[in-house]
Each structure stands twice: as structure tokens, then as C-alpha cells.
Protein backbone atom coordinates (compact mmCIF):
# COMPACT_ATOMS: atom_id res chain seq x y z
CA MET A 1 30.46 3.88 14.36
CA ALA A 2 30.88 7.70 12.52
CA ILE A 3 29.60 7.41 9.66
CA ARG A 4 32.87 8.35 6.78
CA PRO A 5 31.61 10.95 3.55
CA THR A 6 31.59 9.88 0.53
CA TRP A 7 32.65 13.49 -1.65
CA LYS A 8 33.89 16.36 -0.34
CA GLY A 9 33.67 19.41 -2.62
CA PHE A 10 31.26 22.90 -2.16
CA LEU A 11 27.62 24.05 -1.81
CA LYS A 12 27.50 26.97 -4.42
CA VAL A 13 24.30 29.03 -4.24
CA SER A 14 25.10 32.19 -6.60
CA LEU A 15 28.38 33.64 -5.32
CA VAL A 16 27.94 31.78 -1.99
CA ASN A 17 30.61 28.75 -2.04
CA ILE A 18 29.71 26.37 1.28
CA PRO A 19 32.23 23.46 1.85
CA VAL A 20 30.47 20.70 2.56
CA LYS A 21 31.02 16.80 3.23
CA VAL A 22 28.38 14.65 2.04
CA PHE A 23 27.32 11.30 3.90
CA PRO A 24 24.85 8.40 2.91
CA ALA A 25 21.51 8.74 4.49
CA THR A 26 20.80 5.10 3.84
CA GLU A 27 22.05 1.63 5.56
CA SER A 28 22.43 -1.43 3.06
CA ALA A 29 24.18 -3.82 5.16
CA ALA A 30 20.91 -4.23 7.07
CA THR A 31 19.23 -6.19 4.70
CA ILE A 32 20.57 -9.77 4.08
CA SER A 33 22.35 -10.98 1.26
CA PHE A 34 23.04 -13.89 -0.27
CA ASN A 35 26.04 -15.86 -2.31
CA GLN A 36 25.81 -17.99 -5.03
CA LEU A 37 27.08 -21.20 -4.15
CA HIS A 38 27.67 -25.07 -5.85
CA ALA A 39 24.65 -26.94 -4.19
CA GLU A 40 26.83 -30.07 -4.34
CA CYS A 41 29.78 -28.81 -2.33
CA GLN A 42 28.59 -25.56 -1.13
CA THR A 43 31.91 -23.97 -2.64
CA ARG A 44 31.21 -20.30 -3.27
CA ILE A 45 31.30 -19.43 -6.91
CA GLN A 46 33.55 -17.46 -9.21
CA GLN A 47 32.28 -14.89 -11.52
CA LYS A 48 34.97 -15.28 -14.33
CA ARG A 49 35.38 -12.41 -17.20
CA TRP A 50 35.44 -14.54 -20.37
CA CYS A 51 35.66 -13.63 -24.20
CA PRO A 52 33.91 -15.62 -26.79
CA SER A 53 36.03 -14.75 -29.55
CA CYS A 54 39.30 -15.41 -27.94
CA GLU A 55 37.98 -18.48 -25.90
CA ARG A 56 39.95 -17.11 -22.96
CA GLU A 57 39.45 -15.73 -19.03
CA VAL A 58 40.95 -11.95 -19.35
CA THR A 59 41.88 -9.98 -16.53
CA ASN A 60 40.77 -6.10 -15.28
CA ALA A 61 43.69 -4.95 -17.59
CA GLU A 62 42.27 -5.88 -21.01
CA LEU A 63 38.66 -4.40 -19.72
CA ALA A 64 37.64 -1.53 -21.97
CA LYS A 65 34.36 0.50 -22.15
CA GLY A 66 32.37 0.30 -24.98
CA TYR A 67 29.33 1.96 -26.54
CA GLU A 68 27.18 -0.23 -28.83
CA PHE A 69 25.57 2.59 -31.65
CA GLU A 70 24.78 -1.18 -33.61
CA LYS A 71 23.59 -4.28 -32.69
CA GLY A 72 27.06 -6.16 -31.85
CA ARG A 73 28.91 -2.98 -33.10
CA TYR A 74 31.02 -0.89 -30.23
CA ILE A 75 32.98 2.19 -30.07
CA VAL A 76 35.50 2.91 -27.34
CA VAL A 77 35.49 5.06 -24.84
CA ASP A 78 38.72 5.41 -22.29
CA ASP A 79 39.80 7.47 -18.78
CA GLU A 80 40.63 10.25 -21.64
CA ASP A 81 37.70 10.90 -23.30
CA LEU A 82 36.12 10.92 -19.73
CA GLN A 83 38.34 13.26 -18.87
CA LYS A 84 37.00 15.49 -21.87
CA VAL A 85 33.72 15.99 -20.15
CA ARG A 86 34.20 16.52 -16.82
CA VAL A 87 31.92 19.68 -15.36
CA GLU A 88 31.75 22.09 -12.66
CA SER A 89 29.77 19.32 -10.97
CA SER A 90 32.77 16.96 -9.97
CA ARG A 91 33.40 19.45 -7.53
CA VAL A 92 30.25 21.80 -6.76
CA ILE A 93 26.87 21.15 -6.22
CA ASN A 94 25.36 24.34 -8.04
CA LEU A 95 21.72 25.45 -6.48
CA VAL A 96 20.60 26.74 -9.66
CA GLN A 97 16.86 27.08 -9.00
CA PHE A 98 14.41 27.06 -5.31
CA ALA A 99 11.21 25.91 -5.50
CA ASP A 100 8.49 24.73 -3.05
CA ALA A 101 9.32 21.39 -1.77
CA SER A 102 6.06 19.72 -2.07
CA ASP A 103 6.61 20.51 -5.97
CA ILE A 104 8.97 17.52 -5.96
CA ASP A 105 7.27 14.59 -7.40
CA PRO A 106 8.66 11.42 -5.10
CA ILE A 107 8.58 9.38 -8.07
CA TYR A 108 11.59 11.08 -9.56
CA VAL A 109 13.53 10.65 -5.88
CA ASP A 110 16.60 7.91 -6.30
CA ARG A 111 18.74 8.27 -3.12
CA ALA A 112 19.14 10.39 0.01
CA TYR A 113 22.28 11.53 1.50
CA TYR A 114 23.10 14.49 4.34
CA LEU A 115 25.15 17.34 3.71
CA ALA A 116 27.14 18.54 6.86
CA PRO A 117 29.92 21.46 6.29
CA ASP A 118 33.20 20.76 5.92
CA GLY A 119 35.12 22.47 9.03
CA PRO A 120 34.32 25.08 11.33
CA MET A 121 34.67 27.71 9.32
CA ALA A 122 31.86 26.32 7.15
CA ALA A 123 28.94 26.07 9.70
CA ASP A 124 27.76 29.67 10.03
CA ALA A 125 27.37 29.91 6.34
CA PHE A 126 25.81 26.77 5.85
CA ALA A 127 23.35 27.13 9.25
CA VAL A 128 22.61 30.55 7.61
CA MET A 129 21.42 28.72 4.02
CA ARG A 130 19.83 26.14 5.97
CA GLU A 131 17.48 28.12 7.62
CA GLY A 132 16.93 30.32 5.14
CA MET A 133 15.57 27.18 2.60
CA VAL A 134 12.85 26.44 4.76
CA GLY A 135 9.79 25.18 3.16
CA LYS A 136 12.33 25.09 -0.29
CA ALA A 137 14.22 22.61 -2.68
CA GLY A 138 17.43 23.95 -4.18
CA ILE A 139 17.73 22.13 -7.60
CA GLY A 140 20.86 21.58 -9.06
CA LYS A 141 23.73 19.31 -9.95
CA VAL A 142 26.43 17.19 -8.53
CA ALA A 143 29.11 14.08 -10.23
CA LEU A 144 28.99 11.13 -8.04
CA TYR A 145 30.25 7.99 -8.34
CA GLY A 146 31.48 9.22 -12.32
CA ARG A 147 28.45 10.43 -13.35
CA GLU A 148 26.05 13.43 -13.20
CA TYR A 149 22.75 13.63 -11.15
CA LEU A 150 20.29 16.45 -11.17
CA VAL A 151 19.82 16.89 -7.03
CA ALA A 152 17.26 18.43 -4.96
CA ILE A 153 18.26 20.03 -1.31
CA LYS A 154 16.22 20.27 1.42
CA PRO A 155 16.75 21.19 5.11
CA GLN A 156 16.45 18.73 7.33
CA LYS A 157 17.17 19.16 11.48
CA LYS A 158 20.69 20.41 11.54
CA GLY A 159 21.50 19.59 8.54
CA LEU A 160 20.54 19.34 4.61
CA VAL A 161 19.28 16.35 3.00
CA MET A 162 20.53 15.98 -0.75
CA TYR A 163 17.91 13.52 -3.09
CA THR A 164 19.90 12.58 -6.15
CA LEU A 165 17.19 12.60 -9.21
CA HIS A 166 16.03 10.94 -12.36
CA HIS A 167 15.72 13.04 -15.61
CA ASP A 168 12.40 13.05 -16.82
CA ALA A 169 13.17 10.80 -19.70
CA GLU A 170 14.35 8.42 -16.89
CA ILE A 171 10.70 7.89 -16.06
CA ARG A 172 8.00 6.23 -17.83
CA SER A 173 4.67 7.94 -18.10
CA ILE A 174 1.85 6.21 -16.60
CA ASP A 175 -0.41 6.69 -19.91
CA GLN A 176 2.65 3.73 -21.43
CA ILE A 177 0.35 1.43 -19.06
CA GLU A 178 -2.27 -0.61 -21.20
CA GLU A 179 -4.19 -2.15 -18.69
CA LEU A 180 -5.51 1.02 -17.26
CA ASN A 181 -6.80 1.68 -20.39
CA SER A 182 -9.97 -0.38 -19.14
CA VAL A 183 -10.18 1.60 -15.46
CA PRO A 184 -13.27 3.51 -15.58
CA THR A 185 -13.14 7.16 -14.44
CA LYS A 186 -16.36 7.48 -13.04
CA VAL A 187 -16.89 5.23 -10.00
CA LYS A 188 -20.96 4.50 -7.89
CA PRO A 189 -21.13 7.46 -5.49
CA GLU A 190 -22.69 4.72 -2.95
CA GLU A 191 -19.31 3.11 -3.24
CA MET A 192 -17.37 6.16 -3.21
CA LYS A 193 -18.59 6.86 0.17
CA LEU A 194 -18.21 3.99 1.88
CA ALA A 195 -14.76 3.77 0.80
CA LYS A 196 -13.97 7.38 2.29
CA GLN A 197 -15.20 5.91 5.53
CA VAL A 198 -12.79 2.74 5.67
CA ILE A 199 -10.20 5.33 4.51
CA ALA A 200 -10.69 7.51 7.40
CA THR A 201 -10.86 4.97 9.74
CA PHE A 202 -7.03 3.91 8.98
CA ALA A 203 -5.92 7.47 9.12
CA ALA A 204 -3.36 8.67 11.42
CA ASP A 205 0.12 10.07 11.76
CA LEU A 206 2.60 9.17 10.10
CA ASN A 207 5.72 7.72 11.87
CA LEU A 208 7.66 5.18 9.60
CA LYS A 209 9.52 3.44 12.51
CA ASP A 210 6.20 1.73 13.30
CA TYR A 211 7.31 -0.40 9.99
CA LYS A 212 9.84 -3.20 10.21
CA ASP A 213 11.15 -4.91 7.47
CA GLU A 214 9.29 -8.48 8.48
CA TYR A 215 10.63 -10.40 5.21
CA ASN A 216 14.39 -9.41 6.79
CA GLU A 217 13.22 -10.28 10.02
CA GLY A 218 11.76 -13.74 8.98
CA LEU A 219 15.15 -14.58 6.96
CA ARG A 220 16.96 -14.30 10.22
CA LYS A 221 15.14 -16.66 11.94
CA ILE A 222 15.29 -18.87 9.50
CA ILE A 223 19.21 -18.51 9.21
CA ASP A 224 19.50 -18.19 12.72
CA ALA A 225 17.61 -21.80 12.86
CA LYS A 226 19.71 -23.18 10.37
CA ILE A 227 22.99 -22.62 11.84
CA ALA A 228 21.66 -24.04 15.30
CA GLY A 229 20.59 -27.04 13.77
CA GLU A 230 16.49 -26.31 14.03
CA GLU A 231 13.36 -26.69 12.28
CA PHE A 232 11.91 -23.13 11.40
CA GLY A 233 7.86 -23.93 10.83
CA ALA A 234 6.57 -21.57 8.09
CA PRO A 235 3.12 -20.09 8.73
CA GLU A 236 0.66 -20.73 6.91
CA VAL A 237 -0.41 -17.90 4.50
CA GLN A 238 -4.25 -17.35 3.42
CA GLU A 239 -4.61 -16.09 0.12
CA PRO A 240 -6.89 -13.12 0.10
CA ALA A 241 -10.40 -13.43 -0.97
CA ARG A 242 -11.52 -12.25 -4.56
CA VAL A 243 -13.72 -8.99 -4.30
CA VAL A 244 -16.99 -10.59 -5.54
CA ASP A 245 -19.55 -7.56 -4.01
CA LEU A 246 -17.49 -3.83 -4.05
CA MET A 247 -20.51 -3.05 -2.13
CA GLU A 248 -20.43 -5.99 0.96
CA ALA A 249 -16.53 -5.67 1.18
CA LEU A 250 -16.79 -2.70 1.90
CA ARG A 251 -19.39 -2.85 4.53
CA ARG A 252 -17.43 -5.62 6.33
CA SER A 253 -14.45 -3.49 5.83
CA LEU A 254 -15.95 -1.06 7.86
CA ASP A 255 -17.65 -3.15 10.56
CA SER A 256 -14.54 -4.80 11.20
CA VAL A 257 -12.45 -1.46 11.56
CA SER A 258 -14.53 0.35 13.86
CA GLN A 259 -15.67 -2.82 16.37
CA ASP A 260 -11.30 -2.77 16.92
CA LYS A 261 -11.31 1.08 17.14
CA LYS A 262 -14.13 1.06 19.83
CA LYS A 263 -12.04 -1.15 22.19
CA PRO A 264 -9.66 0.88 23.19
CA ALA A 265 -11.25 4.20 22.82
CA LYS A 266 -13.87 3.07 25.53
CA ALA A 267 -10.83 1.84 27.34
CA VAL A 268 -8.97 5.87 27.37
CA ILE A 269 -12.22 7.17 27.94
CA ALA A 270 -12.82 5.17 31.12
CA LYS A 271 -9.17 5.66 32.15
CA SER A 272 -9.64 9.28 31.19
CA LYS A 273 -12.70 9.40 33.36
CA VAL A 274 -10.82 7.55 36.48
CA LYS A 275 -8.41 10.60 36.19
CA SER A 276 -10.75 13.53 36.28
CA GLN A 277 -12.43 11.90 38.84
CA LYS A 278 -9.46 11.33 41.36
CA SER A 279 -8.33 15.23 40.54
CA LYS A 280 -11.69 16.71 41.74
CA VAL A 281 -11.53 14.02 45.14
CA ARG A 282 -7.64 15.88 45.23
CA LYS A 283 -9.00 19.22 45.03
CA ALA A 284 -11.93 18.69 47.20
CA SER A 285 -9.89 16.86 49.80
């Protein structure tokens, strides 16, 4: 099924305006969700809007947006007020700066969207801008779903990826975590050496396709079993042992991983030797 665009507008860089479509890059339907039921009769619960002052249910037409400026005191903001703050970004993604793509701290990234040209006439300009942005990220703003977002746009394959970003005021400083005050700034050299060796044994090229949502898969098995009227036995989960002696734990980790790594390595070497011997025989014949 083709993905439908959720926004149309223009990608603007200086005086260049490219018609673009925005598509969601993530799929929320893959995650299992639940409805709230009345446990006694298994009827889905209705969420009703209740006014405790008037002691009655209210309709959508009676609702208003309110901003609490003091405890229990609100000012009402209506659609006419919201129209007064319409900005250029409601139709234009205006890139005002370019930086190295690696300069964007992942903690600022919120959601991802794909950008594609809107129509054949825009394809050439889109391709030129995409190639010109290799290694860079364009920073700008766009209005989506009733609010303005800070965004970063980077090339990916034939298209562009747009990340909505948190503003700096939304990011809590790690210095606010009081528990980190007890973490030592210096570590023992021998422990650090072993820790680096353990980490090095797990080093590999990253491919996120190798990782599955095991929790979601487990839920699916339980749901399928319940639908079929079958029992599903939960696997036994062992609590991780507390680290009493860090050096001993690191040594055991290194020995364990090293043994596991050696087995397939030897098999690969053995296969390569067999192949090389066969090739030598073929050449000789």
C-alpha cells in the first residue's frame, strides 16, 4: 500500500522554492495497542467529557481551548486568535542554516518524515538540492498538526529525511540528575582496560534490522494463544546478579565472550582453508 502524504508545501533555500510532499517515516500500526474494557462484561469503556461545575456531559461543540495562567484561572484562545499567529512555515519549510549532519545531538530528535518532490517539474531541482546537501543538514521551521516545529533535513538515498527537533528549552540538562553527583570522575586504569576489552569483543557494523521488538512478538503469541483458547507458558526470567567484584565480573565477561567468538572464527578459517586448497587443486589440474 502506497504511503499517503500528510503535508504539502515548499522546501525553501534562499530564493529556491521546491514543491514537496511530506510522508511519515515510522509505522505506529506495528505496535500492539489495547482498549480499556469493563472486566465484568468485557464492554469497551466510553470516555465522556464531564463538567464537574455544571454536573453534566458536554459535547465537542461546547469545548474551548483554555490556558491556565494562574491556579484555577484560564483565558480562552479561539480559532480566530490562532489564525493571527499563522507564520510562513504553515506552507513553507524554510531552511535558514546548514551544518554538518554529525553536529545534531540525537537527544534533540523527535520524529522522522520523508520528503519527496511534488510533481515531475520539481524532481530535477529536488535532486540537485539533495546532492548538494550530502554530509550536511539543513535547519529550518515548519508548521505541522497545529504547531510550529524546528526541523533538520538530511539526504537519504533518492530522497530527503526531515527530523522534527525539540527546542533547547525542552531538553533537560543532565546536570539536573542528582544521582550522577555520586559517580566518580576518575576510574582505575586496570578496570578501564578490561572494560574496553569487553566492549571491543562486541564491536560490529550496526544494522538495526537485526533487532526485533521481542516484547511485541511475545504479546502477539499470548494474544494468538488466547484467541485459540490455549495456555501460554511464560518463560522463566532470571534476575541479573549484583556486581560485587567489578574486576572479576569483567574478567568473566571477557572469557565468556572470547570463547563464543572463537568457535565460529575457527569454523570460518577452516572453510577458507578448504576453499583455497580446492582452488589450488583446480589450478594444478
